[in-house]
Amino acid sequence: KHYDAEQVEIKRMFVSPEHRGKKLGVAVLKELEAWAKELGYKACVLETGTKMQAAVHLYTKYGFERIENYGQYVGVDDSLCFRQFI
């Protein structure tokens, strides 16, 4: 989803439990980043919840860095926001 002139937001990324551990999340992230880069974006941002530890692990392992909560997530205590430059 277009976020601003330089960033695209990854929304609602999910891998079914029976397919986890197969590196599908990484494959999806790589494709989304390649697509965003083709469209001229410089970074991807995303939000996940504090209870989504597998997601947090995936994003940080893949190189996303924690940023201040943005947009609708400002002030939401159980939201974690991340950015990856592409």
Protein backbone atom coordinates (compact mmCIF):
# COMPACT_ATOMS: atom_id res chain seq x y z
CA LYS A 1 0.00 0.00 0.00
CA HIS A 2 1.33 3.46 -0.89
CA TYR A 3 2.35 5.19 2.34
CA ASP A 4 4.19 8.28 1.05
CA ALA A 5 6.38 9.30 -1.89
CA GLU A 6 9.29 7.14 -0.72
CA GLN A 7 7.70 4.35 1.33
CA VAL A 8 5.25 1.54 0.75
CA GLU A 9 3.42 -0.17 3.60
CA ILE A 10 3.23 -3.94 3.83
CA LYS A 11 -0.21 -4.87 5.12
CA ARG A 12 -1.75 -8.08 6.46
CA MET A 13 1.10 -10.44 5.77
CA PHE A 14 0.29 -13.93 7.02
CA VAL A 15 1.54 -17.47 6.54
CA SER A 16 -0.80 -20.29 7.55
CA PRO A 17 0.51 -22.31 10.51
CA GLU A 18 0.82 -25.49 8.43
CA HIS A 19 3.15 -23.69 6.00
CA ARG A 20 5.38 -21.93 8.53
CA GLY A 21 9.04 -22.87 8.75
CA LYS A 22 9.34 -23.18 4.97
CA LYS A 23 10.75 -19.67 4.43
CA LEU A 24 7.56 -18.55 2.69
CA GLY A 25 7.49 -15.35 4.74
CA VAL A 26 10.97 -14.43 3.51
CA ALA A 27 9.96 -15.24 -0.08
CA VAL A 28 6.90 -13.00 0.20
CA LEU A 29 8.97 -10.16 1.71
CA LYS A 30 11.58 -10.42 -1.06
CA GLU A 31 8.90 -10.27 -3.76
CA LEU A 32 7.13 -7.33 -2.11
CA GLU A 33 10.41 -5.44 -1.76
CA ALA A 34 11.36 -6.14 -5.39
CA TRP A 35 7.95 -4.91 -6.52
CA ALA A 36 8.20 -1.79 -4.35
CA LYS A 37 11.66 -1.06 -5.74
CA GLU A 38 10.37 -1.44 -9.31
CA LEU A 39 7.70 1.13 -8.46
CA GLY A 40 10.37 3.56 -7.25
CA TYR A 41 9.94 3.28 -3.49
CA LYS A 42 13.00 3.50 -1.24
CA ALA A 43 11.67 1.71 1.85
CA CYS A 44 9.00 -0.62 3.17
CA VAL A 45 7.24 0.01 6.48
CA LEU A 46 4.98 -2.32 8.40
CA GLU A 47 3.21 -2.79 11.70
CA THR A 48 2.72 -5.89 13.81
CA GLY A 49 1.56 -6.58 17.34
CA THR A 50 3.63 -7.25 20.44
CA LYS A 51 1.98 -10.69 20.72
CA MET A 52 3.13 -11.65 17.21
CA GLN A 53 6.60 -12.81 18.25
CA ALA A 54 7.12 -15.02 15.19
CA ALA A 55 6.44 -12.01 12.96
CA VAL A 56 8.76 -9.79 14.99
CA HIS A 57 11.48 -12.45 14.73
CA LEU A 58 11.01 -12.75 10.95
CA TYR A 59 11.12 -9.01 10.33
CA THR A 60 14.16 -8.35 12.52
CA LYS A 61 16.03 -11.40 11.17
CA TYR A 62 15.34 -10.19 7.65
CA GLY A 63 16.76 -6.73 8.40
CA PHE A 64 13.76 -4.62 9.31
CA GLU A 65 14.55 -2.10 12.04
CA ARG A 66 12.18 -0.94 14.72
CA ILE A 67 10.90 2.62 14.21
CA GLU A 68 8.53 4.87 16.11
CA ASN A 69 4.90 4.02 15.58
CA TYR A 70 3.54 5.88 12.57
CA GLY A 71 0.11 6.97 11.33
CA GLN A 72 -2.80 5.20 12.98
CA TYR A 73 -0.41 3.25 15.24
CA VAL A 74 0.88 6.29 17.16
CA GLY A 75 0.01 5.80 20.82
CA VAL A 76 -1.03 2.16 20.38
CA ASP A 77 0.93 0.34 23.08
CA ASP A 78 0.72 -3.15 21.58
CA SER A 79 1.82 -2.08 18.08
CA LEU A 80 5.40 -2.40 16.82
CA CYS A 81 6.45 -0.64 13.62
CA PHE A 82 9.42 -1.48 11.41
CA ARG A 83 11.18 -0.18 8.28
CA GLN A 84 13.51 -1.75 5.73
CA PHE A 85 15.34 0.36 3.15
CA ILE A 86 15.40 -1.29 -0.26
